[in-house]
C-alpha atoms as a PDB file:
ATOM      1  CA  ASN A   1       0.025  -0.027   0.060  1.00  0.00           C
ATOM      2  CA  VAL A   2       1.795   3.126  -1.216  1.00  0.00           C
ATOM      3  CA  PHE A   3      -0.507   5.147   0.969  1.00  0.00           C
ATOM      4  CA  SER A   4       0.653   3.803   4.394  1.00  0.00           C
ATOM      5  CA  SER A   5       3.517   6.335   4.793  1.00  0.00           C
ATOM      6  CA  PRO A   6       2.583   9.578   2.952  1.00  0.00           C
ATOM      7  CA  TYR A   7       4.992  11.689   5.039  1.00  0.00           C
ATOM      8  CA  LYS A   8       8.043   9.852   3.624  1.00  0.00           C
ATOM      9  CA  SER A   9       7.464  11.067   0.070  1.00  0.00           C
ATOM     10  CA  VAL A  10       8.072  14.405  -1.586  1.00  0.00           C
ATOM     11  CA  THR A  11       4.964  16.475  -2.132  1.00  0.00           C
ATOM     12  CA  MET A  12       4.542  17.247  -5.836  1.00  0.00           C
ATOM     13  CA  LEU A  13       1.455  19.328  -5.638  1.00  0.00           C
ATOM     14  CA  GLU A  14      -0.606  21.095  -2.956  1.00  0.00           C
ATOM     15  CA  MET A  15      -4.275  21.848  -3.803  1.00  0.00           C
ATOM     16  CA  LYS A  16      -7.333  23.369  -2.190  1.00  0.00           C
ATOM     17  CA  ASP A  17     -10.284  20.950  -2.430  1.00  0.00           C
ATOM     18  CA  GLY A  18     -13.942  21.818  -2.790  1.00  0.00           C
ATOM     19  CA  PHE A  19     -14.208  22.493   1.028  1.00  0.00           C
ATOM     20  CA  GLY A  20     -11.033  24.755   1.029  1.00  0.00           C
ATOM     21  CA  GLU A  21      -8.851  22.123   2.658  1.00  0.00           C
ATOM     22  CA  THR A  22      -5.308  21.476   1.463  1.00  0.00           C
ATOM     23  CA  VAL A  23      -4.751  18.157  -0.183  1.00  0.00           C
ATOM     24  CA  ARG A  24      -1.332  16.897  -1.027  1.00  0.00           C
ATOM     25  CA  LEU A  25      -0.206  14.740  -3.984  1.00  0.00           C
ATOM     26  CA  THR A  26       3.070  13.021  -3.356  1.00  0.00           C
ATOM     27  CA  LYS A  27       5.410  11.764  -6.080  1.00  0.00           C
ATOM     28  CA  GLU A  28       5.168   8.263  -4.517  1.00  0.00           C
ATOM     29  CA  VAL A  29       1.413   8.153  -4.936  1.00  0.00           C
ATOM     30  CA  TRP A  30       1.361   9.767  -8.396  1.00  0.00           C
ATOM     31  CA  ASP A  31       3.918   7.201  -9.562  1.00  0.00           C
ATOM     32  CA  ALA A  32       1.759   4.407  -8.330  1.00  0.00           C
ATOM     33  CA  ILE A  33      -1.355   6.018  -9.823  1.00  0.00           C
ATOM     34  CA  VAL A  34       0.188   6.099 -13.356  1.00  0.00           C
ATOM     35  CA  ILE A  35       1.570   2.566 -13.142  1.00  0.00           C
ATOM     36  CA  LYS A  36      -1.955   1.245 -12.206  1.00  0.00           C
ATOM     37  CA  HIS A  37      -3.743   3.650 -14.559  1.00  0.00           C
ATOM     38  CA  PRO A  38      -1.313   4.747 -17.286  1.00  0.00           C
ATOM     39  CA  GLU A  39      -4.037   6.795 -19.084  1.00  0.00           C
ATOM     40  CA  LEU A  40      -3.808   9.419 -16.455  1.00  0.00           C
ATOM     41  CA  ARG A  41      -0.140  10.044 -17.123  1.00  0.00           C
ATOM     42  CA  ASN A  42      -0.846  13.382 -18.868  1.00  0.00           C
ATOM     43  CA  LEU A  43      -3.956  14.304 -16.889  1.00  0.00           C
ATOM     44  CA  LYS A  44      -2.368  15.534 -13.564  1.00  0.00           C
ATOM     45  CA  SER A  45      -3.841  19.079 -14.028  1.00  0.00           C
ATOM     46  CA  TYR A  46      -7.268  17.423 -14.187  1.00  0.00           C
ATOM     47  CA  VAL A  47      -6.685  15.976 -10.726  1.00  0.00           C
ATOM     48  CA  ALA A  48      -6.441  19.599  -9.438  1.00  0.00           C
ATOM     49  CA  VAL A  49      -9.541  20.695 -11.321  1.00  0.00           C
ATOM     50  CA  THR A  50     -11.520  17.670  -9.959  1.00  0.00           C
ATOM     51  CA  LEU A  51     -10.465  18.526  -6.425  1.00  0.00           C
ATOM     52  CA  SER A  52     -11.051  22.162  -6.587  1.00  0.00           C
ATOM     53  CA  ASN A  53     -14.340  22.121  -8.701  1.00  0.00           C
ATOM     54  CA  PRO A  54     -15.888  18.618  -8.364  1.00  0.00           C
ATOM     55  CA  ASP A  55     -19.445  17.787  -9.657  1.00  0.00           C
ATOM     56  CA  VAL A  56     -20.088  15.577  -6.542  1.00  0.00           C
ATOM     57  CA  ILE A  57     -18.245  14.588  -3.474  1.00  0.00           C
ATOM     58  CA  THR A  58     -19.048  11.179  -1.730  1.00  0.00           C
ATOM     59  CA  ARG A  59     -17.691   9.222   1.181  1.00  0.00           C
ATOM     60  CA  SER A  60     -16.235   5.829   0.378  1.00  0.00           C
ATOM     61  CA  ILE A  61     -18.281   2.815   1.206  1.00  0.00           C
ATOM     62  CA  TYR A  62     -15.090   1.003   2.050  1.00  0.00           C
ATOM     63  CA  ASP A  63     -13.233   3.437   4.298  1.00  0.00           C
ATOM     64  CA  GLY A  64     -14.828   6.367   6.185  1.00  0.00           C
ATOM     65  CA  ARG A  65     -11.512   8.354   6.054  1.00  0.00           C
ATOM     66  CA  VAL A  66     -11.678   8.343   2.185  1.00  0.00           C
ATOM     67  CA  VAL A  67     -13.713  10.903   0.340  1.00  0.00           C
ATOM     68  CA  LEU A  68     -14.305  10.574  -3.521  1.00  0.00           C
ATOM     69  CA  TYR A  69     -14.231  13.783  -5.730  1.00  0.00           C
ATOM     70  CA  TYR A  70     -16.016  13.121  -9.091  1.00  0.00           C
ATOM     71  CA  ARG A  71     -15.842  15.526 -12.064  1.00  0.00           C
ATOM     72  CA  TYR A  72     -17.154  14.755 -15.599  1.00  0.00           C
ATOM     73  CA  PHE A  73     -14.881  15.603 -18.504  1.00  0.00           C
ATOM     74  CA  PRO A  74     -16.473  15.303 -21.957  1.00  0.00           C
ATOM     75  CA  ARG A  75     -13.004  15.139 -23.567  1.00  0.00           C
ATOM     76  CA  ILE A  76     -11.683  12.208 -21.437  1.00  0.00           C
ATOM     77  CA  PHE A  77     -12.156   9.038 -23.419  1.00  0.00           C
ATOM     78  CA  GLY A  78     -15.370  10.266 -25.056  1.00  0.00           C
ATOM     79  CA  GLY A  79     -16.916  11.482 -21.794  1.00  0.00           C
ATOM     80  CA  LYS A  80     -16.066   9.948 -18.481  1.00  0.00           C
ATOM     81  CA  PHE A  81     -15.683  10.903 -14.886  1.00  0.00           C
ATOM     82  CA  LEU A  82     -12.281  11.380 -13.234  1.00  0.00           C
ATOM     83  CA  VAL A  83     -12.376  10.260  -9.605  1.00  0.00           C
ATOM     84  CA  VAL A  84      -9.842  11.366  -7.017  1.00  0.00           C
ATOM     85  CA  ALA A  85      -9.781   9.516  -3.722  1.00  0.00           C
ATOM     86  CA  VAL A  86      -8.513  11.630  -0.838  1.00  0.00           C
ATOM     87  CA  LYS A  87      -7.636  10.091   2.467  1.00  0.00           C
ATOM     88  CA  ARG A  88      -7.513  11.880   5.787  1.00  0.00           C
ATOM     89  CA  VAL A  89      -4.627  10.614   7.694  1.00  0.00           C
ATOM     90  CA  SER A  90      -4.870  13.245  10.564  1.00  0.00           C
ATOM     91  CA  ARG A  91      -6.896  16.233  11.498  1.00  0.00           C
ATOM     92  CA  ALA A  92      -4.734  18.422   9.292  1.00  0.00           C
ATOM     93  CA  GLU A  93      -3.362  16.026   6.669  1.00  0.00           C
ATOM     94  CA  ARG A  94      -5.133  14.871   3.578  1.00  0.00           C
ATOM     95  CA  TYR A  95      -3.529  13.082   0.757  1.00  0.00           C
ATOM     96  CA  VAL A  96      -4.514  11.806  -2.791  1.00  0.00           C
ATOM     97  CA  ALA A  97      -4.734   8.080  -2.321  1.00  0.00           C
ATOM     98  CA  THR A  98      -5.531   7.296  -5.999  1.00  0.00           C
ATOM     99  CA  ALA A  99      -7.282   8.578  -8.981  1.00  0.00           C
ATOM    100  CA  TYR A 100      -9.040   6.756 -11.949  1.00  0.00           C
ATOM    101  CA  VAL A 101     -11.441   7.148 -14.751  1.00  0.00           C
ATOM    102  CA  THR A 102     -14.996   5.704 -14.523  1.00  0.00           C
ATOM    103  CA  ASP A 103     -18.272   5.685 -16.476  1.00  0.00           C
ATOM    104  CA  LYS A 104     -20.525   6.571 -13.522  1.00  0.00           C
ATOM    105  CA  ARG A 105     -20.597   7.452  -9.863  1.00  0.00           C
ATOM    106  CA  LYS A 106     -20.319   4.612  -7.379  1.00  0.00           C
ATOM    107  CA  GLY A 107     -22.310   4.288  -4.226  1.00  0.00           C
ATOM    108  CA  GLY A 108     -21.618   6.134  -1.016  1.00  0.00           C
ATOM    109  CA  GLU A 109     -23.054   9.031   1.065  1.00  0.00           C
ATOM    110  CA  ILE A 110     -23.129  12.239  -0.958  1.00  0.00           C
ATOM    111  CA  LEU A 111     -21.351  14.861   1.031  1.00  0.00           C
ATOM    112  CA  TRP A 112     -21.734  17.590  -1.644  1.00  0.00           C
ATOM    113  CA  LEU A 113     -23.425  17.944  -5.007  1.00  0.00           C
ATOM    114  CA  LYS A 114     -22.957  20.784  -7.561  1.00  0.00           C
ATOM    115  CA  LYS A 115     -26.154  22.750  -8.204  1.00  0.00           C
END
């Protein structure tokens, strides 16, 4: 699990999420994301857009510390959602855990919905 020790990796990017909280993307996590999802290699800027201006934010059904940010991009693979999973590791620390492309939103409590 690349996410078990986020403090040991260099922060590549710090972003504000839709709630105004700082979220960090580390080099270690980004490298793991693009190994598992190589289609995201050139979409790092889309991660920042998804976090700062999501269409919907949900809580993961698998881990209550993980929040999923969804944003629909019509130009990604003919129209797909980019999902960015953010894990809260302490009161003040939030890190991108993973990111991936999907056809539709999965289950989970809706925390915020764009109007």
